[in-house]
Amino acid sequence: FPTLVWFGHSSYFLKVNDFRILVDPVFSGNASPFRIFGKAFSGADHYDAEDIPQLDLLVLTHDHYDHLDYPSINKLHEKTKRIVTYLRVGAHLETWGVKSEKICELDWWESAELTSKVKITATPSRHFSGRTFKRAQTLWSSFVLEISGYKIFIGGDSGYDGSFKKIGSKFGPFDLALLECGQYGKYWPQIHMFPEQTVKAGQDLQAQKVVPVHWGKFVLSHHPWNESIQRF
């Protein structure tokens, strides 16, 4: 089965056979452009970008600071073969020195075959994008990763809606789904799921295993840090 290393929040490393994948790396210790907000819990930022091996694939789900981290990308892009992301984020990456030939931007339902055994498809999510004061300049996405006979759902951020059932019907069942489970609130249910909805999303996807992420590293909401996993 694929090897999974979770670094807290939505940063995780996957290895399937010898193919190495990293998703939404945030190793700078902060999930905000303002250092007084979004600081990682003490002890939750033990690993750095220098600890990550050579990568075959870097997946970026959207451009919020808790998912797209300039210091981490700056350290990782030279040892990364391909970067798959969503429409218009390439402008960010190229400004940061990433070679354009490494970048693959996908629209929802668009696919890229990276090797004969690795295919990735961008799928919808119910969220939004934006850095500093500009919103909706880039797309946001979840991804379906088909690799060496396994199907893995890379959830990104999303409120609960019918997309999960649609994706499950089209691509499921999944061997593994990584789904957000944290930083929710009663005033923003459209963009972040409650833990019970995370379970329902996993069922909609027909996932054999679900790993709840988007918790355990940053305080970006008002609930206790471990409430989300207890409710899940």
Protein backbone atom coordinates (compact mmCIF):
# COMPACT_ATOMS: atom_id res chain seq x y z
CA PHE A 1 0.00 0.00 0.00
CA PRO A 2 1.22 3.60 -0.55
CA THR A 3 3.39 5.13 2.15
CA LEU A 4 1.90 8.26 3.73
CA VAL A 5 3.64 10.81 5.96
CA TRP A 6 1.43 13.62 7.30
CA PHE A 7 3.19 16.80 8.46
CA GLY A 8 0.12 18.42 10.03
CA HIS A 9 -2.56 20.56 8.42
CA SER A 10 -2.72 19.72 4.68
CA SER A 11 0.95 18.93 4.01
CA TYR A 12 1.71 15.29 3.31
CA PHE A 13 4.13 13.04 1.45
CA LEU A 14 3.11 9.96 -0.53
CA LYS A 15 5.32 7.28 -2.00
CA VAL A 16 3.93 4.63 -4.29
CA ASN A 17 6.63 2.18 -5.33
CA ASP A 18 9.46 4.62 -6.11
CA PHE A 19 7.25 7.56 -7.15
CA ARG A 20 7.44 10.42 -4.60
CA ILE A 21 4.64 12.98 -4.22
CA LEU A 22 4.29 15.99 -1.93
CA VAL A 23 1.02 17.88 -1.42
CA ASP A 24 0.60 21.51 -0.25
CA PRO A 25 3.90 21.85 1.64
CA VAL A 26 3.96 24.52 4.35
CA PHE A 27 7.22 24.20 6.27
CA SER A 28 7.85 27.87 7.08
CA GLY A 29 6.07 27.69 10.45
CA ASN A 30 3.36 30.15 9.46
CA ALA A 31 0.12 30.04 7.46
CA SER A 32 -0.25 33.76 6.92
CA PRO A 33 1.64 36.71 5.41
CA PHE A 34 1.40 38.29 8.88
CA ARG A 35 3.66 36.60 11.43
CA ILE A 36 1.35 37.37 14.35
CA PHE A 37 -1.37 35.14 12.86
CA GLY A 38 -1.33 31.49 11.79
CA LYS A 39 1.81 30.42 13.61
CA ALA A 40 2.37 26.65 13.89
CA PHE A 41 1.91 24.96 17.26
CA SER A 42 5.13 24.40 19.18
CA GLY A 43 6.57 21.06 18.04
CA ALA A 44 4.28 20.84 14.99
CA ASP A 45 6.86 22.17 12.54
CA HIS A 46 9.74 19.79 13.20
CA TYR A 47 10.39 18.96 9.54
CA ASP A 48 11.69 21.44 6.99
CA ALA A 49 11.82 21.46 3.21
CA GLU A 50 15.45 20.35 3.41
CA ASP A 51 14.27 17.04 4.92
CA ILE A 52 12.18 16.20 1.84
CA PRO A 53 13.81 13.89 -0.75
CA GLN A 54 13.84 14.38 -4.51
CA LEU A 55 10.25 14.61 -5.74
CA ASP A 56 8.59 13.26 -8.85
CA LEU A 57 5.46 15.32 -8.29
CA LEU A 58 4.40 18.34 -6.26
CA VAL A 59 0.63 18.91 -6.03
CA LEU A 60 -0.78 22.31 -5.08
CA THR A 61 -4.53 22.49 -4.47
CA HIS A 62 -5.02 26.28 -4.15
CA ASP A 63 -3.19 29.48 -3.38
CA HIS A 64 -4.16 30.24 0.24
CA TYR A 65 -1.17 30.76 2.50
CA ASP A 66 -1.84 27.59 4.48
CA HIS A 67 -1.45 25.58 1.24
CA LEU A 68 0.87 27.59 -1.02
CA ASP A 69 3.93 28.70 0.95
CA TYR A 70 6.59 30.74 -0.84
CA PRO A 71 9.54 29.80 1.45
CA SER A 72 8.75 26.10 1.03
CA ILE A 73 8.31 26.28 -2.75
CA ASN A 74 11.53 28.26 -3.00
CA LYS A 75 13.42 25.40 -1.33
CA LEU A 76 11.61 22.54 -3.08
CA HIS A 77 11.12 23.42 -6.74
CA GLU A 78 14.64 22.66 -7.91
CA LYS A 79 14.42 19.07 -6.62
CA THR A 80 10.93 18.56 -8.07
CA LYS A 81 10.38 17.06 -11.53
CA ARG A 82 6.75 18.17 -12.10
CA ILE A 83 4.28 20.50 -10.39
CA VAL A 84 0.56 19.93 -10.99
CA THR A 85 -1.80 22.65 -9.90
CA TYR A 86 -4.85 24.65 -10.96
CA LEU A 87 -5.43 27.37 -13.54
CA ARG A 88 -3.37 30.58 -13.31
CA VAL A 89 -1.20 29.62 -10.33
CA GLY A 90 1.70 29.25 -12.73
CA ALA A 91 2.08 33.02 -12.63
CA HIS A 92 2.86 32.80 -8.90
CA LEU A 93 5.33 29.99 -9.40
CA GLU A 94 7.17 31.53 -12.34
CA THR A 95 7.55 34.79 -10.40
CA TRP A 96 9.16 32.71 -7.65
CA GLY A 97 11.69 31.21 -10.06
CA VAL A 98 10.01 27.92 -10.99
CA LYS A 99 10.75 26.81 -14.55
CA SER A 100 7.61 26.97 -16.69
CA GLU A 101 8.24 23.56 -18.26
CA LYS A 102 7.79 21.95 -14.83
CA ILE A 103 4.33 23.42 -14.31
CA CYS A 104 1.10 21.73 -15.39
CA GLU A 105 -2.10 23.72 -14.81
CA LEU A 106 -5.42 21.87 -14.94
CA ASP A 107 -9.05 22.92 -15.17
CA TRP A 108 -11.76 20.87 -13.43
CA TRP A 109 -12.18 17.45 -15.10
CA GLU A 110 -8.97 17.90 -17.06
CA SER A 111 -6.31 15.16 -16.81
CA ALA A 112 -2.58 14.79 -17.29
CA GLU A 113 -0.75 11.50 -17.83
CA LEU A 114 2.61 11.97 -16.14
CA THR A 115 3.89 8.46 -16.85
CA SER A 116 2.39 5.21 -18.14
CA LYS A 117 1.39 4.44 -14.53
CA VAL A 118 0.55 7.89 -13.18
CA LYS A 119 -2.48 9.95 -14.16
CA ILE A 120 -3.91 12.95 -12.29
CA THR A 121 -7.28 14.62 -12.83
CA ALA A 122 -8.43 17.95 -11.39
CA THR A 123 -11.90 17.70 -9.84
CA PRO A 124 -14.23 20.32 -8.33
CA SER A 125 -14.20 21.60 -4.77
CA ARG A 126 -16.38 24.17 -3.03
CA HIS A 127 -13.92 26.77 -1.84
CA PHE A 128 -12.23 29.98 -3.07
CA SER A 129 -8.76 31.37 -3.74
CA GLY A 130 -6.82 34.51 -2.97
CA ARG A 131 -3.63 35.94 -1.53
CA THR A 132 -3.52 39.25 0.40
CA PHE A 133 -6.56 41.26 -0.73
CA LYS A 134 -7.19 39.71 -4.18
CA ARG A 135 -9.63 36.80 -4.51
CA ALA A 136 -10.68 34.48 -7.31
CA GLN A 137 -7.62 35.20 -9.47
CA THR A 138 -6.81 31.48 -9.65
CA LEU A 139 -8.80 28.25 -9.54
CA TRP A 140 -9.00 25.85 -6.58
CA SER A 141 -9.28 22.12 -6.95
CA SER A 142 -9.28 18.61 -5.60
CA PHE A 143 -7.45 15.88 -7.48
CA VAL A 144 -7.87 12.23 -8.40
CA LEU A 145 -4.52 10.45 -8.50
CA GLU A 146 -4.41 7.12 -10.32
CA ILE A 147 -1.05 5.48 -9.74
CA SER A 148 0.18 1.90 -10.16
CA GLY A 149 -3.32 0.47 -9.78
CA TYR A 150 -4.28 2.65 -6.78
CA LYS A 151 -6.82 5.46 -6.70
CA ILE A 152 -6.15 8.29 -4.23
CA PHE A 153 -8.35 11.33 -3.67
CA ILE A 154 -6.46 14.53 -2.78
CA GLY A 155 -9.20 16.64 -1.30
CA GLY A 156 -7.78 20.13 -0.84
CA ASP A 157 -10.28 22.42 0.90
CA SER A 158 -14.01 22.20 0.31
CA GLY A 159 -17.40 22.71 1.82
CA TYR A 160 -19.71 19.72 1.53
CA ASP A 161 -21.80 19.44 -1.62
CA GLY A 162 -22.79 16.96 -4.32
CA SER A 163 -19.36 16.98 -5.94
CA PHE A 164 -18.09 14.15 -3.75
CA LYS A 165 -20.84 11.79 -4.87
CA LYS A 166 -20.27 12.79 -8.50
CA ILE A 167 -16.52 12.16 -8.20
CA GLY A 168 -17.15 8.87 -6.40
CA SER A 169 -19.51 7.72 -9.15
CA LYS A 170 -17.06 8.67 -11.89
CA PHE A 171 -13.78 7.47 -10.35
CA GLY A 172 -14.54 5.40 -7.24
CA PRO A 173 -14.09 3.36 -5.28
CA PHE A 174 -10.94 4.97 -3.86
CA ASP A 175 -8.25 3.12 -1.95
CA LEU A 176 -7.50 6.29 0.05
CA ALA A 177 -9.07 9.72 0.46
CA LEU A 178 -7.39 12.63 2.22
CA LEU A 179 -10.12 15.01 3.31
CA GLU A 180 -10.15 18.26 5.25
CA CYS A 181 -11.41 18.02 8.84
CA GLY A 182 -10.69 21.24 10.68
CA GLN A 183 -10.83 25.04 10.65
CA TYR A 184 -14.62 24.92 10.18
CA GLY A 185 -17.10 27.40 11.65
CA LYS A 186 -20.81 28.10 11.69
CA TYR A 187 -20.29 31.30 9.69
CA TRP A 188 -18.46 29.65 6.77
CA PRO A 189 -20.03 26.20 6.15
CA GLN A 190 -19.87 26.71 2.39
CA ILE A 191 -16.04 26.58 2.29
CA HIS A 192 -15.07 24.13 5.06
CA MET A 193 -16.78 20.89 6.05
CA PHE A 194 -17.83 19.97 9.57
CA PRO A 195 -16.30 16.66 10.75
CA GLU A 196 -19.54 14.73 10.25
CA GLN A 197 -19.61 15.97 6.65
CA THR A 198 -16.03 14.78 6.18
CA VAL A 199 -17.24 11.27 7.03
CA LYS A 200 -20.15 11.65 4.61
CA ALA A 201 -17.79 12.88 1.87
CA GLY A 202 -15.65 9.77 2.36
CA GLN A 203 -18.74 7.60 1.98
CA ASP A 204 -19.80 9.52 -1.14
CA LEU A 205 -16.35 8.91 -2.63
CA GLN A 206 -16.62 5.18 -1.84
CA ALA A 207 -13.29 5.45 -0.05
CA GLN A 208 -11.93 2.35 1.66
CA LYS A 209 -9.75 4.51 3.93
CA VAL A 210 -10.05 8.18 4.89
CA VAL A 211 -7.30 10.26 6.48
CA PRO A 212 -8.62 13.52 8.00
CA VAL A 213 -6.23 16.44 7.43
CA HIS A 214 -6.36 20.27 7.72
CA TRP A 215 -5.99 20.15 11.50
CA GLY A 216 -3.30 19.74 14.17
CA LYS A 217 -0.83 22.46 13.14
CA PHE A 218 -2.40 25.93 12.88
CA VAL A 219 -5.21 27.79 14.64
CA LEU A 220 -7.33 29.18 11.83
CA SER A 221 -10.76 28.85 13.45
CA HIS A 222 -12.43 29.00 16.88
CA HIS A 223 -12.87 25.32 17.76
CA PRO A 224 -10.47 23.46 20.11
CA TRP A 225 -7.48 22.05 18.24
CA ASN A 226 -8.52 18.39 18.73
CA GLU A 227 -12.30 18.77 18.49
CA SER A 228 -12.38 17.99 14.77
CA ILE A 229 -10.67 14.61 15.05
CA GLN A 230 -12.74 13.63 18.08
CA ARG A 231 -15.96 14.39 16.21
CA PHE A 232 -14.68 12.62 13.10
